[in-house]
Amino acid sequence: MNDDPTSPELEKLRFLYRVQLGQVAQTERWIEAELAKVRERAARRPLPDGPEYVLSYLRVGGKATADSVHLGDCAMTSHHTKPLDREQARQAITSGGLRACETCRPDSELGVLE
């Protein structure tokens, strides 16, 4: 026999608690189902890879001027960039007169010696 004290109000609260637990469980199932859908969509549409190298531009006198070459994921690029392939990046550093970023060091990645 159960020795816990009881009352009609206590029974109502216990019933409400069981109902709410069921609602939480249902919400968790809905969340899991939605997560599965999101993961499936993400797997079907992989994010495109960014460029390997970028040319960063600065505004000088109201005109965009090429400034430096960076690795594609460098945080030091300006807001204005142009994607470069490996050969374009190498030419920009060696014969284009542009500097390589001192933070991400694309010149080391390209095998360009200063």
Protein backbone atom coordinates (compact mmCIF):
# COMPACT_ATOMS: atom_id res chain seq x y z
CA MET A 1 0.00 0.00 0.00
CA ASN A 2 1.12 3.54 -0.75
CA ASP A 3 1.69 5.61 2.40
CA ASP A 4 2.07 8.96 0.56
CA PRO A 5 -0.55 11.49 1.61
CA THR A 6 -2.96 12.43 -1.15
CA SER A 7 -5.69 14.88 -1.97
CA PRO A 8 -7.85 15.60 -5.00
CA GLU A 9 -5.61 18.58 -5.86
CA LEU A 10 -2.47 16.48 -5.56
CA GLU A 11 -3.97 13.85 -7.88
CA LYS A 12 -4.83 16.55 -10.43
CA LEU A 13 -1.28 17.91 -10.28
CA ARG A 14 0.20 14.42 -10.75
CA PHE A 15 -2.09 13.88 -13.73
CA LEU A 16 -1.06 17.23 -15.20
CA TYR A 17 2.60 16.30 -14.68
CA ARG A 18 2.15 13.01 -16.61
CA VAL A 19 0.38 14.86 -19.44
CA GLN A 20 3.17 17.43 -19.63
CA LEU A 21 5.83 14.70 -19.69
CA GLY A 22 4.01 13.19 -22.66
CA GLN A 23 3.96 16.59 -24.37
CA VAL A 24 7.69 17.08 -23.77
CA ALA A 25 8.37 13.62 -25.20
CA GLN A 26 6.27 14.46 -28.28
CA THR A 27 8.13 17.78 -28.73
CA GLU A 28 11.47 15.95 -28.50
CA ARG A 29 10.30 13.55 -31.25
CA TRP A 30 9.30 16.51 -33.43
CA ILE A 31 12.69 18.13 -32.84
CA GLU A 32 14.52 14.92 -33.79
CA ALA A 33 12.40 14.55 -36.93
CA GLU A 34 13.13 18.14 -37.98
CA LEU A 35 16.86 17.70 -37.27
CA ALA A 36 16.87 14.61 -39.47
CA LYS A 37 15.26 16.62 -42.30
CA VAL A 38 17.77 19.47 -41.91
CA ARG A 39 20.71 17.06 -41.90
CA GLU A 40 19.39 15.29 -44.98
CA ARG A 41 19.01 18.58 -46.87
CA ALA A 42 22.49 19.68 -45.80
CA ALA A 43 23.96 16.38 -46.99
CA ARG A 44 22.33 16.80 -50.39
CA ARG A 45 23.58 20.37 -50.79
CA PRO A 46 27.15 20.54 -49.54
CA LEU A 47 28.52 24.04 -49.21
CA PRO A 48 30.81 24.97 -52.08
CA ASP A 49 34.45 25.26 -51.23
CA GLY A 50 35.76 28.79 -51.16
CA PRO A 51 38.60 29.94 -53.37
CA GLU A 52 42.09 28.72 -52.48
CA TYR A 53 43.57 32.22 -52.87
CA VAL A 54 42.07 35.71 -53.02
CA LEU A 55 43.24 39.10 -54.15
CA SER A 56 42.29 41.75 -51.61
CA TYR A 57 41.40 45.26 -52.74
CA LEU A 58 41.53 48.55 -50.87
CA ARG A 59 39.78 51.82 -51.76
CA VAL A 60 42.35 54.47 -52.63
CA GLY A 61 40.96 57.80 -53.77
CA GLY A 62 37.55 56.21 -54.37
CA LYS A 63 39.06 53.59 -56.65
CA ALA A 64 39.56 49.86 -55.94
CA THR A 65 43.29 49.10 -55.86
CA ALA A 66 44.76 45.61 -55.62
CA ASP A 67 46.53 45.33 -52.29
CA SER A 68 47.62 41.81 -51.33
CA VAL A 69 47.23 38.08 -51.91
CA HIS A 70 45.73 35.89 -49.18
CA LEU A 71 44.76 32.29 -48.59
CA GLY A 72 41.04 31.90 -49.23
CA ASP A 73 40.13 31.54 -45.54
CA CYS A 74 42.33 34.36 -44.21
CA ALA A 75 40.56 36.70 -41.79
CA MET A 76 42.79 39.62 -42.79
CA THR A 77 41.26 40.14 -46.24
CA SER A 78 39.32 43.29 -46.99
CA HIS A 79 35.63 43.18 -47.83
CA HIS A 80 36.49 43.45 -51.51
CA THR A 81 38.20 40.36 -52.89
CA LYS A 82 38.61 38.47 -56.12
CA PRO A 83 39.17 34.70 -56.22
CA LEU A 84 42.48 33.54 -57.70
CA ASP A 85 43.69 30.14 -58.77
CA ARG A 86 47.14 28.93 -57.75
CA GLU A 87 48.95 30.23 -60.84
CA GLN A 88 47.28 33.64 -60.71
CA ALA A 89 48.24 33.99 -57.04
CA ARG A 90 51.85 33.03 -57.80
CA GLN A 91 52.04 35.57 -60.65
CA ALA A 92 50.48 38.31 -58.52
CA ILE A 93 53.14 37.83 -55.85
CA THR A 94 56.16 37.28 -58.10
CA SER A 95 55.64 39.50 -61.14
CA GLY A 96 52.49 41.45 -60.26
CA GLY A 97 54.17 43.49 -57.55
CA LEU A 98 51.62 42.58 -54.91
CA ARG A 99 52.58 41.60 -51.41
CA ALA A 100 51.70 38.32 -49.75
CA CYS A 101 49.73 38.56 -46.52
CA GLU A 102 52.08 38.31 -43.56
CA THR A 103 49.46 36.51 -41.49
CA CYS A 104 48.33 33.63 -43.70
CA ARG A 105 51.56 33.46 -45.79
CA PRO A 106 50.28 32.39 -49.23
CA ASP A 107 53.83 32.79 -50.55
CA SER A 108 54.97 29.88 -48.34
CA GLU A 109 52.03 27.81 -49.51
CA LEU A 110 52.95 28.59 -53.14
CA GLY A 111 56.65 27.90 -52.65
CA VAL A 112 57.63 31.48 -53.51
CA LEU A 113 60.86 32.60 -51.86
CA GLU A 114 61.33 36.26 -51.05
